[in-house]
Amino acid sequence: MTRWHLFPVLSLLCLSPFAQAESTGEKVLQLQQQMAVMQGELSSLVAVQQASKGSQSALADLLGRTQRLEQEVRDLRGELDTKTHALQIRQQALAAKLADLTAATAITASASSTAITASSAALINPAAIVASAASNASAPTIQSLGQTDYQKAFDWLRQGKYGSAVTGLQGFIQKYPQSSLIPDAYYWLGQAQYVLGQNDAALKSLYTVQARFSQSSKAPEAMLRMAEIYQAIGQSGKARVVLDRIIRQYPSTPSAQKAEAQLQALPAKK
């Protein structure tokens, strides 16, 4: 081979290492660039992951707080329901007590009104109250000793013939002391005597009923009349004593209820 032919070959041989080095350097540079890009992407991924973890933690915390708030709401709602139910029960109990109190007040007011009306009538016109009581009294259902004489005297009382009634009843008591009508005779005798203004005699006759015949139905009625007479003559203290005795001796009876109403109508103790 001639010398001129060797020059190109030598040139190639001399340039090849430099070309290869340059090529390798470019590859290294490219790799470095790729590594830089990859490191950037990796950093981004790490940042995203960290951010994601933070978001998950915040989300978990928010979820926990929400659950706690829901539980508190449920607890408060249950407490509210319990208190509402208790309030409804109390309202029903108060309504029942109010109804009972209203009914009791109405009964008491009615009894007081009746007692005051009767007491006022006795104070103003004793004859009217006695006549009314006599007209409402029923005749004895069982034949008793001396009943004819008793009925005659009682009829005089109904007719307003109080003097004749007093005489007739006193005669009946003396003639038939064992008759079952004796308590009634003393009761109506006291009524007639009171109308005639014979207060002491009337109180004595009425007292005989409750002292000797305490089991008779006329006994508490006689005591009520005694209290009215005491009140009419200005002896409210004695009237109060008699009314208290009625309540003790005959509890839970219409007479006791009337006595309580009359006690309320009496002037307050001084």
C-alpha atoms as a PDB file:
ATOM      1  CA  MET A   1       0.000   0.000   0.000  1.00  0.00           C
ATOM      2  CA  THR A   2       1.337   3.372  -0.892  1.00  0.00           C
ATOM      3  CA  ARG A   3       1.873   6.129   1.569  1.00  0.00           C
ATOM      4  CA  TRP A   4      -0.939   8.144   0.121  1.00  0.00           C
ATOM      5  CA  HIS A   5      -3.340   5.358   0.619  1.00  0.00           C
ATOM      6  CA  LEU A   6      -2.488   5.087   4.291  1.00  0.00           C
ATOM      7  CA  PHE A   7      -3.361   8.693   5.183  1.00  0.00           C
ATOM      8  CA  PRO A   8      -7.094   8.268   5.201  1.00  0.00           C
ATOM      9  CA  VAL A   9      -6.868   5.122   7.225  1.00  0.00           C
ATOM     10  CA  LEU A  10      -4.580   6.726   9.724  1.00  0.00           C
ATOM     11  CA  SER A  11      -6.876   9.686   9.900  1.00  0.00           C
ATOM     12  CA  LEU A  12      -9.793   7.476  10.755  1.00  0.00           C
ATOM     13  CA  LEU A  13      -7.810   5.598  13.283  1.00  0.00           C
ATOM     14  CA  CYS A  14      -6.744   8.795  14.930  1.00  0.00           C
ATOM     15  CA  LEU A  15     -10.203  10.353  14.985  1.00  0.00           C
ATOM     16  CA  SER A  16     -12.100   7.274  16.254  1.00  0.00           C
ATOM     17  CA  PRO A  17     -11.204   7.556  19.968  1.00  0.00           C
ATOM     18  CA  PHE A  18     -12.153  11.216  20.041  1.00  0.00           C
ATOM     19  CA  ALA A  19     -15.405  10.505  18.311  1.00  0.00           C
ATOM     20  CA  GLN A  20     -16.136   7.713  20.667  1.00  0.00           C
ATOM     21  CA  ALA A  21     -15.298   9.869  23.679  1.00  0.00           C
ATOM     22  CA  GLU A  22     -17.480  12.629  22.390  1.00  0.00           C
ATOM     23  CA  SER A  23     -20.283  10.148  21.867  1.00  0.00           C
ATOM     24  CA  THR A  24     -19.843   8.706  25.336  1.00  0.00           C
ATOM     25  CA  GLY A  25     -19.785  12.190  26.863  1.00  0.00           C
ATOM     26  CA  GLU A  26     -23.015  13.046  25.126  1.00  0.00           C
ATOM     27  CA  LYS A  27     -24.558   9.873  26.418  1.00  0.00           C
ATOM     28  CA  VAL A  28     -23.335  10.676  29.925  1.00  0.00           C
ATOM     29  CA  LEU A  29     -24.737  14.173  29.599  1.00  0.00           C
ATOM     30  CA  GLN A  30     -27.996  12.785  28.347  1.00  0.00           C
ATOM     31  CA  LEU A  31     -28.052  10.311  31.209  1.00  0.00           C
ATOM     32  CA  GLN A  32     -27.285  13.062  33.676  1.00  0.00           C
ATOM     33  CA  GLN A  33     -30.080  15.123  32.213  1.00  0.00           C
ATOM     34  CA  GLN A  34     -32.411  12.158  32.394  1.00  0.00           C
ATOM     35  CA  MET A  35     -31.312  11.512  35.971  1.00  0.00           C
ATOM     36  CA  ALA A  36     -31.962  15.155  36.814  1.00  0.00           C
ATOM     37  CA  VAL A  37     -35.406  14.887  35.279  1.00  0.00           C
ATOM     38  CA  MET A  38     -36.055  11.658  37.113  1.00  0.00           C
ATOM     39  CA  GLN A  39     -34.857  13.167  40.390  1.00  0.00           C
ATOM     40  CA  GLY A  40     -37.229  16.079  39.810  1.00  0.00           C
ATOM     41  CA  GLU A  41     -40.060  13.698  39.104  1.00  0.00           C
ATOM     42  CA  LEU A  42     -39.101  11.650  42.160  1.00  0.00           C
ATOM     43  CA  SER A  43     -39.075  14.773  44.301  1.00  0.00           C
ATOM     44  CA  SER A  44     -42.467  15.692  42.912  1.00  0.00           C
ATOM     45  CA  LEU A  45     -43.756  12.213  43.635  1.00  0.00           C
ATOM     46  CA  VAL A  46     -42.380  12.386  47.180  1.00  0.00           C
ATOM     47  CA  ALA A  47     -43.958  15.788  47.684  1.00  0.00           C
ATOM     48  CA  VAL A  48     -47.261  14.545  46.294  1.00  0.00           C
ATOM     49  CA  GLN A  49     -47.098  11.472  48.524  1.00  0.00           C
ATOM     50  CA  GLN A  50     -46.314  13.572  51.565  1.00  0.00           C
ATOM     51  CA  ALA A  51     -49.103  15.951  50.662  1.00  0.00           C
ATOM     52  CA  SER A  52     -51.386  12.981  50.165  1.00  0.00           C
ATOM     53  CA  LYS A  53     -50.428  11.609  53.571  1.00  0.00           C
ATOM     54  CA  GLY A  54     -51.135  15.032  55.103  1.00  0.00           C
ATOM     55  CA  SER A  55     -54.470  15.177  53.351  1.00  0.00           C
ATOM     56  CA  GLN A  56     -55.340  11.697  54.525  1.00  0.00           C
ATOM     57  CA  SER A  57     -54.406  12.630  58.082  1.00  0.00           C
ATOM     58  CA  ALA A  58     -56.465  15.810  57.913  1.00  0.00           C
ATOM     59  CA  LEU A  59     -59.338  13.892  56.376  1.00  0.00           C
ATOM     60  CA  ALA A  60     -59.115  11.248  59.092  1.00  0.00           C
ATOM     61  CA  ASP A  61     -59.076  13.959  61.780  1.00  0.00           C
ATOM     62  CA  LEU A  62     -62.056  15.693  60.169  1.00  0.00           C
ATOM     63  CA  LEU A  63     -63.921  12.400  59.962  1.00  0.00           C
ATOM     64  CA  GLY A  64     -63.230  11.706  63.628  1.00  0.00           C
ATOM     65  CA  ARG A  65     -64.466  15.143  64.656  1.00  0.00           C
ATOM     66  CA  THR A  66     -67.582  14.700  62.538  1.00  0.00           C
ATOM     67  CA  GLN A  67     -68.323  11.355  64.187  1.00  0.00           C
ATOM     68  CA  ARG A  68     -67.832  12.877  67.631  1.00  0.00           C
ATOM     69  CA  LEU A  69     -70.184  15.734  66.775  1.00  0.00           C
ATOM     70  CA  GLU A  70     -72.800  13.296  65.489  1.00  0.00           C
ATOM     71  CA  GLN A  71     -72.534  11.319  68.738  1.00  0.00           C
ATOM     72  CA  GLU A  72     -72.931  14.516  70.774  1.00  0.00           C
ATOM     73  CA  VAL A  73     -75.993  15.433  68.716  1.00  0.00           C
ATOM     74  CA  ARG A  74     -77.483  11.969  69.326  1.00  0.00           C
ATOM     75  CA  ASP A  75     -76.762  12.276  73.045  1.00  0.00           C
ATOM     76  CA  LEU A  76     -78.319  15.735  73.212  1.00  0.00           C
ATOM     77  CA  ARG A  77     -81.341  14.558  71.241  1.00  0.00           C
ATOM     78  CA  GLY A  78     -81.812  11.625  73.616  1.00  0.00           C
ATOM     79  CA  GLU A  79     -81.478  13.938  76.616  1.00  0.00           C
ATOM     80  CA  LEU A  80     -83.980  16.345  75.053  1.00  0.00           C
ATOM     81  CA  ASP A  81     -86.451  13.526  74.388  1.00  0.00           C
ATOM     82  CA  THR A  82     -86.104  12.332  77.996  1.00  0.00           C
ATOM     83  CA  LYS A  83     -86.655  15.799  79.418  1.00  0.00           C
ATOM     84  CA  THR A  84     -89.574  16.432  77.068  1.00  0.00           C
ATOM     85  CA  HIS A  85     -91.230  13.194  78.175  1.00  0.00           C
ATOM     86  CA  ALA A  86     -90.665  14.054  81.842  1.00  0.00           C
ATOM     87  CA  LEU A  87     -92.127  17.507  81.240  1.00  0.00           C
ATOM     88  CA  GLN A  88     -95.192  16.019  79.575  1.00  0.00           C
ATOM     89  CA  ILE A  89     -95.722  13.707  82.552  1.00  0.00           C
ATOM     90  CA  ARG A  90     -95.413  16.640  84.956  1.00  0.00           C
ATOM     91  CA  GLN A  91     -97.845  18.682  82.885  1.00  0.00           C
ATOM     92  CA  GLN A  92    -100.363  15.835  82.924  1.00  0.00           C
ATOM     93  CA  ALA A  93     -99.954  15.443  86.699  1.00  0.00           C
ATOM     94  CA  LEU A  94    -100.401  19.194  87.205  1.00  0.00           C
ATOM     95  CA  ALA A  95    -103.463  19.193  84.970  1.00  0.00           C
ATOM     96  CA  ALA A  96    -104.982  16.338  87.007  1.00  0.00           C
ATOM     97  CA  LYS A  97    -104.216  18.132  90.290  1.00  0.00           C
ATOM     98  CA  LEU A  98    -105.688  21.335  88.892  1.00  0.00           C
ATOM     99  CA  ALA A  99    -108.854  19.495  87.872  1.00  0.00           C
ATOM    100  CA  ASP A 100    -109.127  17.921  91.348  1.00  0.00           C
ATOM    101  CA  LEU A 101    -108.487  21.274  92.996  1.00  0.00           C
ATOM    102  CA  THR A 102    -111.070  22.969  90.794  1.00  0.00           C
ATOM    103  CA  ALA A 103    -113.650  20.302  91.603  1.00  0.00           C
ATOM    104  CA  ALA A 104    -112.858  20.464  95.332  1.00  0.00           C
ATOM    105  CA  THR A 105    -113.037  24.260  95.261  1.00  0.00           C
ATOM    106  CA  ALA A 106    -116.386  24.121  93.498  1.00  0.00           C
ATOM    107  CA  ILE A 107    -117.734  21.650  96.061  1.00  0.00           C
ATOM    108  CA  THR A 108    -116.400  23.716  98.963  1.00  0.00           C
ATOM    109  CA  ALA A 109    -117.753  26.921  97.466  1.00  0.00           C
ATOM    110  CA  SER A 110    -121.131  25.289  96.962  1.00  0.00           C
ATOM    111  CA  ALA A 111    -121.191  23.949 100.511  1.00  0.00           C
ATOM    112  CA  SER A 112    -120.031  27.308 101.877  1.00  0.00           C
ATOM    113  CA  SER A 113    -122.665  29.120  99.863  1.00  0.00           C
ATOM    114  CA  THR A 114    -125.354  26.743 101.110  1.00  0.00           C
ATOM    115  CA  ALA A 115    -124.187  27.058 104.706  1.00  0.00           C
ATOM    116  CA  ILE A 116    -123.930  30.849 104.525  1.00  0.00           C
ATOM    117  CA  THR A 117    -127.335  31.079 102.889  1.00  0.00           C
ATOM    118  CA  ALA A 118    -128.902  28.860 105.535  1.00  0.00           C
ATOM    119  CA  SER A 119    -127.114  30.705 108.325  1.00  0.00           C
ATOM    120  CA  SER A 120    -128.155  34.084 106.944  1.00  0.00           C
ATOM    121  CA  ALA A 121    -131.742  32.912 106.602  1.00  0.00           C
ATOM    122  CA  ALA A 122    -131.713  31.712 110.203  1.00  0.00           C
ATOM    123  CA  LEU A 123    -130.346  35.056 111.364  1.00  0.00           C
ATOM    124  CA  ILE A 124    -132.813  37.108 109.351  1.00  0.00           C
ATOM    125  CA  ASN A 125    -135.973  34.985 109.444  1.00  0.00           C
ATOM    126  CA  PRO A 126    -135.790  31.842 111.631  1.00  0.00           C
ATOM    127  CA  ALA A 127    -139.429  31.039 110.923  1.00  0.00           C
ATOM    128  CA  ALA A 128    -138.715  30.712 107.195  1.00  0.00           C
ATOM    129  CA  ILE A 129    -135.851  28.261 107.674  1.00  0.00           C
ATOM    130  CA  VAL A 130    -137.834  26.185 110.195  1.00  0.00           C
ATOM    131  CA  ALA A 131    -140.870  26.125 107.906  1.00  0.00           C
ATOM    132  CA  SER A 132    -138.680  25.024 104.997  1.00  0.00           C
ATOM    133  CA  ALA A 133    -137.050  22.258 107.051  1.00  0.00           C
ATOM    134  CA  ALA A 134    -140.419  21.068 108.345  1.00  0.00           C
ATOM    135  CA  SER A 135    -141.950  20.973 104.874  1.00  0.00           C
ATOM    136  CA  ASN A 136    -139.036  18.847 103.594  1.00  0.00           C
ATOM    137  CA  ALA A 137    -139.191  16.403 106.517  1.00  0.00           C
ATOM    138  CA  SER A 138    -140.789  13.055 105.742  1.00  0.00           C
ATOM    139  CA  ALA A 139    -143.310  11.308 107.948  1.00  0.00           C
ATOM    140  CA  PRO A 140    -142.087   8.323 110.031  1.00  0.00           C
ATOM    141  CA  THR A 141    -142.135   5.149 107.957  1.00  0.00           C
ATOM    142  CA  ILE A 142    -142.530   2.839 110.982  1.00  0.00           C
ATOM    143  CA  GLN A 143    -145.488   3.036 113.326  1.00  0.00           C
ATOM    144  CA  SER A 144    -144.217   4.381 116.666  1.00  0.00           C
ATOM    145  CA  LEU A 145    -145.704   4.872 120.088  1.00  0.00           C
ATOM    146  CA  GLY A 146    -147.804   8.058 120.207  1.00  0.00           C
ATOM    147  CA  GLN A 147    -147.317   8.718 116.500  1.00  0.00           C
ATOM    148  CA  THR A 148    -150.758  10.304 116.117  1.00  0.00           C
ATOM    149  CA  ASP A 149    -150.054  12.914 118.809  1.00  0.00           C
ATOM    150  CA  TYR A 150    -146.597  13.575 117.358  1.00  0.00           C
ATOM    151  CA  GLN A 151    -147.991  14.058 113.845  1.00  0.00           C
ATOM    152  CA  LYS A 152    -150.637  16.507 115.111  1.00  0.00           C
ATOM    153  CA  ALA A 153    -147.995  18.652 116.831  1.00  0.00           C
ATOM    154  CA  PHE A 154    -145.739  18.452 113.791  1.00  0.00           C
ATOM    155  CA  ASP A 155    -148.577  19.567 111.505  1.00  0.00           C
ATOM    156  CA  TRP A 156    -149.044  22.665 113.682  1.00  0.00           C
ATOM    157  CA  LEU A 157    -145.360  23.388 113.186  1.00  0.00           C
ATOM    158  CA  ARG A 158    -145.720  23.105 109.410  1.00  0.00           C
ATOM    159  CA  GLN A 159    -148.712  25.464 109.523  1.00  0.00           C
ATOM    160  CA  GLY A 160    -146.672  28.071 111.383  1.00  0.00           C
ATOM    161  CA  LYS A 161    -148.629  27.601 114.627  1.00  0.00           C
ATOM    162  CA  TYR A 162    -145.463  27.528 116.705  1.00  0.00           C
ATOM    163  CA  GLY A 163    -147.102  28.072 120.105  1.00  0.00           C
ATOM    164  CA  SER A 164    -149.457  25.120 119.557  1.00  0.00           C
ATOM    165  CA  ALA A 165    -146.533  23.056 118.188  1.00  0.00           C
ATOM    166  CA  VAL A 166    -144.484  23.699 121.353  1.00  0.00           C
ATOM    167  CA  THR A 167    -147.384  22.690 123.566  1.00  0.00           C
ATOM    168  CA  GLY A 168    -148.165  19.595 121.495  1.00  0.00           C
ATOM    169  CA  LEU A 169    -144.534  18.391 121.335  1.00  0.00           C
ATOM    170  CA  GLN A 170    -143.982  18.932 125.058  1.00  0.00           C
ATOM    171  CA  GLY A 171    -147.153  16.945 125.766  1.00  0.00           C
ATOM    172  CA  PHE A 172    -145.998  14.145 123.463  1.00  0.00           C
ATOM    173  CA  ILE A 173    -142.581  13.948 125.204  1.00  0.00           C
ATOM    174  CA  GLN A 174    -144.198  13.715 128.630  1.00  0.00           C
ATOM    175  CA  LYS A 175    -146.792  11.172 127.530  1.00  0.00           C
ATOM    176  CA  TYR A 176    -144.588   8.883 125.434  1.00  0.00           C
ATOM    177  CA  PRO A 177    -140.999   9.057 126.832  1.00  0.00           C
ATOM    178  CA  GLN A 178    -140.189   5.604 125.370  1.00  0.00           C
ATOM    179  CA  SER A 179    -141.304   6.401 121.830  1.00  0.00           C
ATOM    180  CA  SER A 180    -138.723   6.160 119.057  1.00  0.00           C
ATOM    181  CA  LEU A 181    -139.900   9.593 117.925  1.00  0.00           C
ATOM    182  CA  ILE A 182    -138.578  11.350 121.043  1.00  0.00           C
ATOM    183  CA  PRO A 183    -135.316  12.574 119.327  1.00  0.00           C
ATOM    184  CA  ASP A 184    -137.405  14.088 116.500  1.00  0.00           C
ATOM    185  CA  ALA A 185    -139.802  15.641 119.013  1.00  0.00           C
ATOM    186  CA  TYR A 186    -136.972  17.380 120.908  1.00  0.00           C
ATOM    187  CA  TYR A 187    -135.416  18.552 117.630  1.00  0.00           C
ATOM    188  CA  TRP A 188    -138.609  20.167 116.335  1.00  0.00           C
ATOM    189  CA  LEU A 189    -139.450  21.498 119.793  1.00  0.00           C
ATOM    190  CA  GLY A 190    -136.134  23.373 119.762  1.00  0.00           C
ATOM    191  CA  GLN A 191    -136.915  24.724 116.302  1.00  0.00           C
ATOM    192  CA  ALA A 192    -140.333  26.028 117.347  1.00  0.00           C
ATOM    193  CA  GLN A 193    -138.947  27.575 120.561  1.00  0.00           C
ATOM    194  CA  TYR A 194    -136.239  29.367 118.562  1.00  0.00           C
ATOM    195  CA  VAL A 195    -138.817  30.907 116.227  1.00  0.00           C
ATOM    196  CA  LEU A 196    -140.742  32.144 119.280  1.00  0.00           C
ATOM    197  CA  GLY A 197    -137.554  33.804 120.570  1.00  0.00           C
ATOM    198  CA  GLN A 198    -137.106  31.296 123.401  1.00  0.00           C
ATOM    199  CA  ASN A 199    -133.376  30.910 122.726  1.00  0.00           C
ATOM    200  CA  ASP A 200    -132.349  29.298 126.026  1.00  0.00           C
ATOM    201  CA  ALA A 201    -135.202  26.777 125.867  1.00  0.00           C
ATOM    202  CA  ALA A 202    -134.392  26.048 122.231  1.00  0.00           C
ATOM    203  CA  LEU A 203    -130.700  25.397 122.999  1.00  0.00           C
ATOM    204  CA  LYS A 204    -131.692  23.118 125.891  1.00  0.00           C
ATOM    205  CA  SER A 205    -134.067  21.060 123.710  1.00  0.00           C
ATOM    206  CA  LEU A 206    -131.500  20.735 120.928  1.00  0.00           C
ATOM    207  CA  TYR A 207    -128.742  19.846 123.387  1.00  0.00           C
ATOM    208  CA  THR A 208    -130.947  17.016 124.724  1.00  0.00           C
ATOM    209  CA  VAL A 209    -130.952  15.441 121.252  1.00  0.00           C
ATOM    210  CA  GLN A 210    -127.163  15.241 120.948  1.00  0.00           C
ATOM    211  CA  ALA A 211    -126.645  14.388 124.642  1.00  0.00           C
ATOM    212  CA  ARG A 212    -129.230  11.601 125.015  1.00  0.00           C
ATOM    213  CA  PHE A 213    -129.599  10.394 121.454  1.00  0.00           C
ATOM    214  CA  SER A 214    -126.142  10.831 119.907  1.00  0.00           C
ATOM    215  CA  GLN A 215    -126.736   7.884 117.524  1.00  0.00           C
ATOM    216  CA  SER A 216    -129.889   9.446 116.086  1.00  0.00           C
ATOM    217  CA  SER A 217    -129.707  11.066 112.660  1.00  0.00           C
ATOM    218  CA  LYS A 218    -131.186  14.169 114.300  1.00  0.00           C
ATOM    219  CA  ALA A 219    -128.197  14.591 116.656  1.00  0.00           C
ATOM    220  CA  PRO A 220    -125.776  16.298 114.210  1.00  0.00           C
ATOM    221  CA  GLU A 221    -128.650  18.329 112.741  1.00  0.00           C
ATOM    222  CA  ALA A 222    -129.575  19.533 116.235  1.00  0.00           C
ATOM    223  CA  MET A 223    -125.951  20.554 116.825  1.00  0.00           C
ATOM    224  CA  LEU A 224    -125.890  22.494 113.544  1.00  0.00           C
ATOM    225  CA  ARG A 225    -129.023  24.350 114.644  1.00  0.00           C
ATOM    226  CA  MET A 226    -127.405  25.074 118.038  1.00  0.00           C
ATOM    227  CA  ALA A 227    -124.395  26.610 116.263  1.00  0.00           C
ATOM    228  CA  GLU A 228    -126.702  28.796 114.172  1.00  0.00           C
ATOM    229  CA  ILE A 229    -128.551  29.976 117.273  1.00  0.00           C
ATOM    230  CA  TYR A 230    -125.280  30.783 119.063  1.00  0.00           C
ATOM    231  CA  GLN A 231    -124.161  32.763 116.030  1.00  0.00           C
ATOM    232  CA  ALA A 232    -127.518  34.558 115.840  1.00  0.00           C
ATOM    233  CA  ILE A 233    -127.268  35.705 119.459  1.00  0.00           C
ATOM    234  CA  GLY A 234    -123.674  36.836 119.053  1.00  0.00           C
ATOM    235  CA  GLN A 235    -121.859  33.909 120.701  1.00  0.00           C
ATOM    236  CA  SER A 236    -119.570  32.868 117.855  1.00  0.00           C
ATOM    237  CA  GLY A 237    -117.107  31.197 120.228  1.00  0.00           C
ATOM    238  CA  LYS A 238    -119.723  28.699 121.402  1.00  0.00           C
ATOM    239  CA  ALA A 239    -120.851  28.195 117.824  1.00  0.00           C
ATOM    240  CA  ARG A 240    -117.260  27.296 116.874  1.00  0.00           C
ATOM    241  CA  VAL A 241    -117.042  24.764 119.731  1.00  0.00           C
ATOM    242  CA  VAL A 242    -120.236  23.029 118.617  1.00  0.00           C
ATOM    243  CA  LEU A 243    -119.135  22.920 114.971  1.00  0.00           C
ATOM    244  CA  ASP A 244    -115.746  21.464 115.907  1.00  0.00           C
ATOM    245  CA  ARG A 245    -117.559  18.768 117.911  1.00  0.00           C
ATOM    246  CA  ILE A 246    -119.703  17.857 114.910  1.00  0.00           C
ATOM    247  CA  ILE A 247    -116.600  17.382 112.755  1.00  0.00           C
ATOM    248  CA  ARG A 248    -114.972  15.148 115.396  1.00  0.00           C
ATOM    249  CA  GLN A 249    -118.050  13.077 116.265  1.00  0.00           C
ATOM    250  CA  TYR A 250    -119.529  12.708 112.794  1.00  0.00           C
ATOM    251  CA  PRO A 251    -116.622  12.787 110.319  1.00  0.00           C
ATOM    252  CA  SER A 252    -117.192  12.207 106.593  1.00  0.00           C
ATOM    253  CA  THR A 253    -120.906  13.028 106.862  1.00  0.00           C
ATOM    254  CA  PRO A 254    -122.978  15.769 105.197  1.00  0.00           C
ATOM    255  CA  SER A 255    -123.365  17.357 108.636  1.00  0.00           C
ATOM    256  CA  ALA A 256    -119.565  17.523 109.033  1.00  0.00           C
ATOM    257  CA  GLN A 257    -119.251  19.156 105.613  1.00  0.00           C
ATOM    258  CA  LYS A 258    -121.877  21.743 106.568  1.00  0.00           C
ATOM    259  CA  ALA A 259    -120.059  22.331 109.862  1.00  0.00           C
ATOM    260  CA  GLU A 260    -116.776  22.966 108.047  1.00  0.00           C
ATOM    261  CA  ALA A 261    -118.503  25.444 105.739  1.00  0.00           C
ATOM    262  CA  GLN A 262    -120.106  27.233 108.696  1.00  0.00           C
ATOM    263  CA  LEU A 263    -116.727  27.399 110.450  1.00  0.00           C
ATOM    264  CA  GLN A 264    -115.278  29.189 107.443  1.00  0.00           C
ATOM    265  CA  ALA A 265    -118.175  31.649 107.519  1.00  0.00           C
ATOM    266  CA  LEU A 266    -117.640  32.505 111.191  1.00  0.00           C
ATOM    267  CA  PRO A 267    -115.668  35.656 112.102  1.00  0.00           C
ATOM    268  CA  ALA A 268    -111.954  35.037 112.717  1.00  0.00           C
ATOM    269  CA  LYS A 269    -110.845  34.495 116.311  1.00  0.00           C
ATOM    270  CA  LYS A 270    -109.627  37.609 118.053  1.00  0.00           C
END
